[in-house]
Amino acid sequence: MTIKLICLDADDTLWHNMRHFNATEDALLDMLHPFAEADMTRERLIACETRNLPLYGYGAKGFTLSMI
């Protein structure tokens, strides 16, 4: 069978709340700026979130615990 079409159901709630996640991430980067450059902090946060996905999943809980 040849796949002709792939459909995605975009989560508009996530899009609406993404601004809050971005603002919180920016605040974390500002807070940690005296200790590490923003690119390094963001890279470490992404790595931590990725590692925590099986434990906490996506969302505010996993994001917050990863920032800690």
Protein backbone atom coordinates (compact mmCIF):
# COMPACT_ATOMS: atom_id res chain seq x y z
CA MET A 1 0.00 0.00 0.00
CA THR A 2 1.37 3.41 -0.97
CA ILE A 3 0.84 6.26 1.46
CA LYS A 4 -0.70 9.19 -0.40
CA LEU A 5 -1.72 11.47 2.44
CA ILE A 6 -0.68 12.10 6.02
CA CYS A 7 -3.02 14.14 8.23
CA LEU A 8 -2.08 15.89 11.45
CA ASP A 9 -4.42 17.22 14.08
CA ALA A 10 -2.72 20.38 15.36
CA ASP A 11 -3.35 21.21 18.99
CA ASP A 12 -4.49 24.85 18.99
CA THR A 13 -4.45 24.87 22.81
CA LEU A 14 -0.73 24.17 22.75
CA TRP A 15 -0.16 26.96 20.23
CA HIS A 16 -2.06 29.39 22.43
CA ASN A 17 -0.08 28.46 25.55
CA MET A 18 3.32 28.30 23.84
CA ARG A 19 3.85 32.01 24.55
CA HIS A 20 3.81 31.20 28.28
CA PHE A 21 6.38 28.45 27.85
CA ASN A 22 8.58 30.80 25.79
CA ALA A 23 8.32 33.60 28.36
CA THR A 24 9.19 31.20 31.17
CA GLU A 25 12.16 29.82 29.25
CA ASP A 26 13.37 33.37 28.58
CA ALA A 27 13.10 34.16 32.31
CA LEU A 28 15.15 31.05 33.12
CA LEU A 29 17.81 32.07 30.60
CA ASP A 30 17.96 35.57 32.12
CA MET A 31 18.20 34.18 35.64
CA LEU A 32 21.04 31.82 34.72
CA HIS A 33 22.87 34.29 32.47
CA PRO A 34 25.55 35.13 35.10
CA PHE A 35 26.48 31.43 35.16
CA ALA A 36 26.05 30.26 31.55
CA GLU A 37 25.40 31.62 28.07
CA ALA A 38 21.82 31.41 26.83
CA ASP A 39 22.63 28.92 24.05
CA MET A 40 24.25 26.53 26.51
CA THR A 41 21.37 26.83 28.98
CA ARG A 42 18.78 26.25 26.26
CA GLU A 43 20.73 23.24 24.96
CA ARG A 44 20.88 21.72 28.46
CA LEU A 45 17.19 22.39 29.06
CA ILE A 46 16.22 20.67 25.82
CA ALA A 47 18.44 17.69 26.69
CA CYS A 48 16.87 17.48 30.14
CA GLU A 49 13.33 17.73 28.75
CA THR A 50 14.10 15.01 26.21
CA ARG A 51 15.50 12.74 28.93
CA ASN A 52 12.44 13.38 31.14
CA LEU A 53 9.78 12.79 28.46
CA PRO A 54 9.25 9.12 29.34
CA LEU A 55 8.77 10.08 33.00
CA TYR A 56 6.66 13.24 32.81
CA GLY A 57 5.42 13.54 29.24
CA TYR A 58 4.77 16.88 27.56
CA GLY A 59 3.31 19.90 29.31
CA ALA A 60 3.80 22.25 32.21
CA LYS A 61 4.74 19.58 34.76
CA GLY A 62 7.57 18.10 32.68
CA PHE A 63 8.75 21.53 31.61
CA THR A 64 8.87 22.82 35.20
CA LEU A 65 10.64 19.75 36.54
CA SER A 66 13.17 19.93 33.73
CA MET A 67 13.93 23.57 34.56
CA ILE A 68 14.58 22.64 38.17
